[in-house]
Amino acid sequence: LSGMSGIIAKILIMCYSVSMKMKLDRKAAIKKVKALVFSPKSELAPFRAKLEKTFSTVFLPNHVECVDHNYGGVHCDVLHPVVYSSHRIIIYVHGGSFVGGSRNSWRNFCSSLAHETSCR
């Protein structure tokens, strides 16, 4: 894996490890990530469903709270870590490369990001 695919693979490995609460050996993690990388041979609907199933979670790490907001007709998550600065925010916009992923499937990653940076 190289270039942008390599970066995406590294992010997916991190998210998978956090959401599954287990340590995976490197080869097994890479195999799982490769199965989640879209290719022209992939069917789009099953690929999207696989992403949602793998990365969507009910429980967020580090006791981060998630509040649903609607700003100008756009549904957004506002994530509140236990400790955060009221003057610092991260605005995370994920387009999914027109392929897959949703705010539900990236919520775990964004929760960890909010926690680590003490930002909402």
N, C-alpha and C. Protein backbone atom coordinates (compact mmCIF):
# COMPACT_ATOMS: atom_id res chain seq x y z
N LEU A 1 0.85 -1.18 0.00
CA LEU A 1 0.00 0.00 0.00
C LEU A 1 0.89 1.23 0.00
N SER A 2 0.61 2.16 -0.92
CA SER A 2 1.45 3.35 -0.98
C SER A 2 0.60 4.58 -1.22
N GLY A 3 1.21 5.75 -1.07
CA GLY A 3 0.52 7.01 -1.33
C GLY A 3 -0.69 7.19 -0.44
N MET A 4 -1.75 7.72 -1.03
CA MET A 4 -2.98 8.01 -0.29
C MET A 4 -3.60 6.73 0.26
N SER A 5 -3.52 5.63 -0.49
CA SER A 5 -4.05 4.36 0.00
C SER A 5 -3.33 3.92 1.27
N GLY A 6 -2.03 4.17 1.33
CA GLY A 6 -1.26 3.83 2.52
C GLY A 6 -1.69 4.63 3.74
N ILE A 7 -1.94 5.93 3.52
CA ILE A 7 -2.40 6.79 4.61
C ILE A 7 -3.77 6.33 5.09
N ILE A 8 -4.67 6.07 4.14
CA ILE A 8 -6.01 5.61 4.50
C ILE A 8 -5.93 4.28 5.23
N ALA A 9 -5.07 3.39 4.76
CA ALA A 9 -4.92 2.09 5.42
C ALA A 9 -4.45 2.25 6.86
N LYS A 10 -3.50 3.16 7.09
CA LYS A 10 -3.01 3.39 8.46
C LYS A 10 -4.12 3.94 9.35
N ILE A 11 -4.93 4.86 8.83
CA ILE A 11 -6.05 5.40 9.61
C ILE A 11 -7.06 4.31 9.90
N LEU A 12 -7.38 3.49 8.91
CA LEU A 12 -8.34 2.41 9.11
C LEU A 12 -7.84 1.39 10.12
N ILE A 13 -6.55 1.08 10.08
CA ILE A 13 -5.98 0.15 11.06
C ILE A 13 -6.15 0.71 12.47
N MET A 14 -5.86 2.01 12.65
CA MET A 14 -6.01 2.63 13.96
C MET A 14 -7.47 2.59 14.42
N CYS A 15 -8.38 2.97 13.53
CA CYS A 15 -9.80 2.98 13.89
C CYS A 15 -10.29 1.58 14.23
N TYR A 16 -9.88 0.60 13.45
CA TYR A 16 -10.33 -0.77 13.68
C TYR A 16 -9.84 -1.25 15.04
N SER A 17 -8.58 -0.98 15.36
CA SER A 17 -8.02 -1.42 16.64
C SER A 17 -8.75 -0.79 17.81
N VAL A 18 -9.04 0.51 17.71
CA VAL A 18 -9.74 1.21 18.79
C VAL A 18 -11.15 0.67 18.94
N SER A 19 -11.88 0.56 17.82
CA SER A 19 -13.29 0.16 17.90
C SER A 19 -13.46 -1.28 18.33
N MET A 20 -12.54 -2.13 18.03
CA MET A 20 -12.67 -3.55 18.37
C MET A 20 -12.06 -3.88 19.73
N LYS A 21 -11.36 -2.92 20.34
CA LYS A 21 -10.79 -3.08 21.68
C LYS A 21 -9.91 -4.33 21.79
N MET A 22 -9.15 -4.58 20.76
CA MET A 22 -8.25 -5.73 20.84
C MET A 22 -6.98 -5.42 20.04
N LYS A 23 -5.94 -6.11 20.40
CA LYS A 23 -4.69 -5.96 19.66
C LYS A 23 -4.67 -7.01 18.55
N LEU A 24 -4.46 -6.54 17.34
CA LEU A 24 -4.37 -7.44 16.21
C LEU A 24 -2.93 -7.47 15.73
N ASP A 25 -2.48 -8.62 15.30
CA ASP A 25 -1.14 -8.61 14.74
C ASP A 25 -1.17 -7.90 13.39
N ARG A 26 -0.03 -7.38 13.00
CA ARG A 26 0.07 -6.52 11.82
C ARG A 26 -0.48 -7.18 10.56
N LYS A 27 -0.16 -8.43 10.31
CA LYS A 27 -0.63 -9.09 9.09
C LYS A 27 -2.14 -9.22 9.05
N ALA A 28 -2.73 -9.58 10.18
CA ALA A 28 -4.19 -9.72 10.23
C ALA A 28 -4.87 -8.37 10.02
N ALA A 29 -4.29 -7.32 10.60
CA ALA A 29 -4.87 -5.98 10.45
C ALA A 29 -4.79 -5.52 8.99
N ILE A 30 -3.65 -5.74 8.36
CA ILE A 30 -3.49 -5.35 6.96
C ILE A 30 -4.46 -6.12 6.08
N LYS A 31 -4.65 -7.40 6.35
CA LYS A 31 -5.59 -8.21 5.57
C LYS A 31 -7.01 -7.65 5.71
N LYS A 32 -7.40 -7.28 6.92
CA LYS A 32 -8.73 -6.72 7.14
C LYS A 32 -8.89 -5.37 6.45
N VAL A 33 -7.85 -4.55 6.49
CA VAL A 33 -7.92 -3.24 5.84
C VAL A 33 -8.01 -3.39 4.32
N LYS A 34 -7.23 -4.30 3.77
CA LYS A 34 -7.30 -4.52 2.32
C LYS A 34 -8.70 -4.92 1.89
N ALA A 35 -9.40 -5.65 2.74
CA ALA A 35 -10.78 -6.04 2.42
C ALA A 35 -11.72 -4.84 2.46
N LEU A 36 -11.29 -3.76 3.12
CA LEU A 36 -12.13 -2.56 3.24
C LEU A 36 -11.71 -1.44 2.28
N VAL A 37 -10.78 -1.72 1.39
CA VAL A 37 -10.36 -0.72 0.41
C VAL A 37 -11.14 -0.95 -0.88
N PHE A 38 -11.79 0.10 -1.36
CA PHE A 38 -12.63 -0.01 -2.55
C PHE A 38 -11.76 -0.18 -3.78
N SER A 39 -12.19 -1.04 -4.67
CA SER A 39 -11.52 -1.22 -5.95
C SER A 39 -12.58 -1.28 -7.04
N PRO A 40 -12.18 -1.10 -8.29
CA PRO A 40 -13.17 -1.16 -9.38
C PRO A 40 -13.90 -2.51 -9.45
N LYS A 41 -13.32 -3.55 -8.87
CA LYS A 41 -13.96 -4.86 -8.87
C LYS A 41 -15.05 -4.97 -7.81
N SER A 42 -15.07 -4.03 -6.88
CA SER A 42 -16.03 -4.07 -5.77
C SER A 42 -17.40 -3.58 -6.21
N GLU A 43 -18.43 -4.17 -5.62
CA GLU A 43 -19.80 -3.68 -5.78
C GLU A 43 -19.97 -2.57 -4.75
N LEU A 44 -20.53 -1.44 -5.14
CA LEU A 44 -20.59 -0.28 -4.26
C LEU A 44 -21.49 -0.48 -3.04
N ALA A 45 -22.70 -0.98 -3.22
CA ALA A 45 -23.64 -1.12 -2.09
C ALA A 45 -23.10 -2.07 -1.01
N PRO A 46 -22.62 -3.28 -1.37
CA PRO A 46 -22.06 -4.15 -0.32
C PRO A 46 -20.81 -3.56 0.34
N PHE A 47 -20.01 -2.82 -0.43
CA PHE A 47 -18.82 -2.18 0.13
C PHE A 47 -19.22 -1.16 1.18
N ARG A 48 -20.20 -0.32 0.87
CA ARG A 48 -20.68 0.68 1.83
C ARG A 48 -21.24 0.01 3.08
N ALA A 49 -22.00 -1.06 2.90
CA ALA A 49 -22.58 -1.77 4.05
C ALA A 49 -21.48 -2.36 4.92
N LYS A 50 -20.42 -2.88 4.29
CA LYS A 50 -19.30 -3.46 5.04
C LYS A 50 -18.60 -2.38 5.87
N LEU A 51 -18.40 -1.19 5.30
CA LEU A 51 -17.78 -0.09 6.04
C LEU A 51 -18.63 0.29 7.26
N GLU A 52 -19.92 0.43 7.05
CA GLU A 52 -20.82 0.80 8.15
C GLU A 52 -20.79 -0.24 9.25
N LYS A 53 -20.87 -1.50 8.88
CA LYS A 53 -20.90 -2.58 9.87
C LYS A 53 -19.59 -2.63 10.66
N THR A 54 -18.48 -2.44 9.98
CA THR A 54 -17.17 -2.55 10.62
C THR A 54 -16.87 -1.38 11.55
N PHE A 55 -17.20 -0.16 11.14
CA PHE A 55 -16.74 1.01 11.88
C PHE A 55 -17.80 1.73 12.70
N SER A 56 -19.06 1.43 12.51
CA SER A 56 -20.10 2.07 13.34
C SER A 56 -20.12 1.40 14.70
N THR A 57 -20.25 2.20 15.74
CA THR A 57 -20.25 1.67 17.10
C THR A 57 -21.18 2.49 17.97
N VAL A 58 -21.77 1.83 18.94
CA VAL A 58 -22.66 2.51 19.87
C VAL A 58 -21.85 3.22 20.95
N PHE A 59 -20.75 2.60 21.37
CA PHE A 59 -19.94 3.13 22.46
C PHE A 59 -18.76 3.91 21.91
N LEU A 60 -18.58 5.11 22.41
CA LEU A 60 -17.46 5.94 21.99
C LEU A 60 -16.32 5.81 23.00
N PRO A 61 -15.07 5.91 22.53
CA PRO A 61 -13.94 5.77 23.44
C PRO A 61 -13.80 6.96 24.38
N ASN A 62 -13.16 6.73 25.51
CA ASN A 62 -12.76 7.78 26.45
C ASN A 62 -13.92 8.61 26.99
N HIS A 63 -15.10 8.03 27.08
CA HIS A 63 -16.28 8.70 27.65
C HIS A 63 -16.66 9.97 26.90
N VAL A 64 -16.41 10.01 25.60
CA VAL A 64 -16.77 11.17 24.78
C VAL A 64 -18.28 11.14 24.56
N GLU A 65 -18.91 12.30 24.74
CA GLU A 65 -20.36 12.42 24.50
C GLU A 65 -20.59 12.90 23.07
N CYS A 66 -21.63 12.38 22.45
CA CYS A 66 -22.00 12.78 21.09
C CYS A 66 -23.40 13.38 21.12
N VAL A 67 -23.52 14.60 20.61
CA VAL A 67 -24.81 15.28 20.54
C VAL A 67 -25.10 15.59 19.07
N ASP A 68 -26.27 15.21 18.61
CA ASP A 68 -26.67 15.46 17.23
C ASP A 68 -27.17 16.90 17.10
N HIS A 69 -26.64 17.62 16.12
CA HIS A 69 -27.07 19.00 15.85
C HIS A 69 -27.42 19.13 14.38
N ASN A 70 -28.26 20.11 14.08
CA ASN A 70 -28.62 20.42 12.71
C ASN A 70 -28.22 21.87 12.44
N TYR A 71 -27.25 22.06 11.56
CA TYR A 71 -26.79 23.39 11.20
C TYR A 71 -27.13 23.63 9.73
N GLY A 72 -28.08 24.52 9.48
CA GLY A 72 -28.45 24.84 8.11
C GLY A 72 -28.92 23.65 7.31
N GLY A 73 -29.60 22.73 7.95
CA GLY A 73 -30.11 21.55 7.26
C GLY A 73 -29.12 20.40 7.17
N VAL A 74 -27.94 20.56 7.73
CA VAL A 74 -26.92 19.51 7.71
C VAL A 74 -26.84 18.89 9.10
N HIS A 75 -27.05 17.58 9.18
CA HIS A 75 -26.94 16.88 10.46
C HIS A 75 -25.46 16.71 10.81
N CYS A 76 -25.10 17.10 12.02
CA CYS A 76 -23.71 17.07 12.47
C CYS A 76 -23.62 16.44 13.86
N ASP A 77 -22.49 15.84 14.14
CA ASP A 77 -22.18 15.37 15.48
C ASP A 77 -21.34 16.43 16.17
N VAL A 78 -21.68 16.76 17.40
CA VAL A 78 -20.81 17.59 18.23
C VAL A 78 -20.31 16.68 19.33
N LEU A 79 -19.01 16.48 19.35
CA LEU A 79 -18.39 15.53 20.28
C LEU A 79 -17.74 16.30 21.43
N HIS A 80 -18.07 15.88 22.65
CA HIS A 80 -17.56 16.53 23.85
C HIS A 80 -16.72 15.54 24.65
N PRO A 81 -15.37 15.67 24.60
CA PRO A 81 -14.56 14.83 25.47
C PRO A 81 -14.73 15.28 26.92
N VAL A 82 -14.30 14.47 27.86
CA VAL A 82 -14.43 14.81 29.28
C VAL A 82 -13.73 16.13 29.56
N VAL A 83 -12.54 16.32 29.01
CA VAL A 83 -11.79 17.57 29.20
C VAL A 83 -11.62 18.21 27.83
N TYR A 84 -12.10 19.45 27.70
CA TYR A 84 -11.91 20.17 26.44
C TYR A 84 -11.86 21.67 26.70
N SER A 85 -11.24 22.38 25.78
CA SER A 85 -11.17 23.84 25.85
C SER A 85 -12.37 24.40 25.11
N SER A 86 -13.07 25.33 25.73
CA SER A 86 -14.25 25.91 25.08
C SER A 86 -13.86 26.81 23.91
N HIS A 87 -12.58 27.13 23.78
CA HIS A 87 -12.11 28.00 22.70
C HIS A 87 -11.48 27.23 21.54
N ARG A 88 -11.49 25.91 21.63
CA ARG A 88 -10.85 25.09 20.60
C ARG A 88 -11.86 24.12 20.02
N ILE A 89 -11.98 24.11 18.70
CA ILE A 89 -12.85 23.14 18.04
C ILE A 89 -12.13 22.56 16.82
N ILE A 90 -12.56 21.40 16.44
CA ILE A 90 -12.11 20.79 15.19
C ILE A 90 -13.36 20.63 14.34
N ILE A 91 -13.30 21.10 13.12
CA ILE A 91 -14.39 20.86 12.18
C ILE A 91 -13.88 19.79 11.23
N TYR A 92 -14.47 18.62 11.32
CA TYR A 92 -14.04 17.48 10.51
C TYR A 92 -15.10 17.24 9.45
N VAL A 93 -14.71 17.38 8.20
CA VAL A 93 -15.62 17.15 7.09
C VAL A 93 -15.10 15.94 6.32
N HIS A 94 -15.93 14.92 6.23
CA HIS A 94 -15.53 13.69 5.54
C HIS A 94 -16.45 13.50 4.35
N GLY A 95 -15.87 13.51 3.17
CA GLY A 95 -16.66 13.34 1.95
C GLY A 95 -16.81 11.90 1.52
N GLY A 96 -16.00 11.00 2.05
CA GLY A 96 -16.11 9.59 1.70
C GLY A 96 -15.63 9.26 0.31
N SER A 97 -14.97 10.21 -0.35
CA SER A 97 -14.46 10.01 -1.71
C SER A 97 -15.55 9.53 -2.65
N PHE A 98 -16.77 9.90 -2.35
CA PHE A 98 -17.94 9.49 -3.13
C PHE A 98 -18.10 7.98 -3.16
N VAL A 99 -17.51 7.29 -2.19
CA VAL A 99 -17.57 5.83 -2.17
C VAL A 99 -18.26 5.32 -0.92
N GLY A 100 -17.72 5.62 0.24
CA GLY A 100 -18.29 5.04 1.45
C GLY A 100 -17.90 5.80 2.70
N GLY A 101 -18.51 5.39 3.77
CA GLY A 101 -18.27 6.03 5.05
C GLY A 101 -19.37 7.03 5.34
N SER A 102 -19.66 7.20 6.61
CA SER A 102 -20.68 8.15 7.03
C SER A 102 -20.23 8.74 8.35
N ARG A 103 -21.00 9.66 8.87
CA ARG A 103 -20.63 10.22 10.17
C ARG A 103 -20.70 9.15 11.24
N ASN A 104 -21.54 8.14 11.07
CA ASN A 104 -21.60 7.03 12.04
C ASN A 104 -20.32 6.20 12.00
N SER A 105 -19.82 5.93 10.82
CA SER A 105 -18.63 5.08 10.73
C SER A 105 -17.34 5.82 11.09
N TRP A 106 -17.34 7.14 11.07
CA TRP A 106 -16.16 7.92 11.44
C TRP A 106 -16.26 8.52 12.83
N ARG A 107 -17.37 8.30 13.51
CA ARG A 107 -17.60 8.90 14.84
C ARG A 107 -16.55 8.43 15.85
N ASN A 108 -16.18 7.15 15.81
CA ASN A 108 -15.19 6.61 16.73
C ASN A 108 -13.84 7.31 16.54
N PHE A 109 -13.41 7.43 15.30
CA PHE A 109 -12.15 8.11 14.99
C PHE A 109 -12.19 9.56 15.46
N CYS A 110 -13.27 10.26 15.16
CA CYS A 110 -13.39 11.68 15.55
C CYS A 110 -13.46 11.83 17.06
N SER A 111 -14.06 10.87 17.75
CA SER A 111 -14.11 10.91 19.21
C SER A 111 -12.70 10.80 19.79
N SER A 112 -11.91 9.90 19.25
CA SER A 112 -10.52 9.76 19.70
C SER A 112 -9.73 11.03 19.40
N LEU A 113 -9.96 11.62 18.24
CA LEU A 113 -9.29 12.86 17.87
C LEU A 113 -9.66 13.99 18.84
N ALA A 114 -10.94 14.11 19.16
CA ALA A 114 -11.40 15.14 20.10
C ALA A 114 -10.77 14.94 21.48
N HIS A 115 -10.73 13.69 21.92
CA HIS A 115 -10.14 13.38 23.23
C HIS A 115 -8.66 13.73 23.26
N GLU A 116 -7.92 13.30 22.26
CA GLU A 116 -6.46 13.50 22.25
C GLU A 116 -6.07 14.96 22.12
N THR A 117 -6.91 15.77 21.49
CA THR A 117 -6.58 17.18 21.28
C THR A 117 -7.30 18.13 22.24
N SER A 118 -8.14 17.57 23.12
CA SER A 118 -8.94 18.37 24.06
C SER A 118 -9.77 19.43 23.35
N CYS A 119 -10.33 19.04 22.22
CA CYS A 119 -11.17 19.94 21.43
C CYS A 119 -12.57 19.36 21.29
N ARG A 120 -13.53 20.24 21.05
CA ARG A 120 -14.86 19.78 20.68
C ARG A 120 -14.88 19.64 19.19
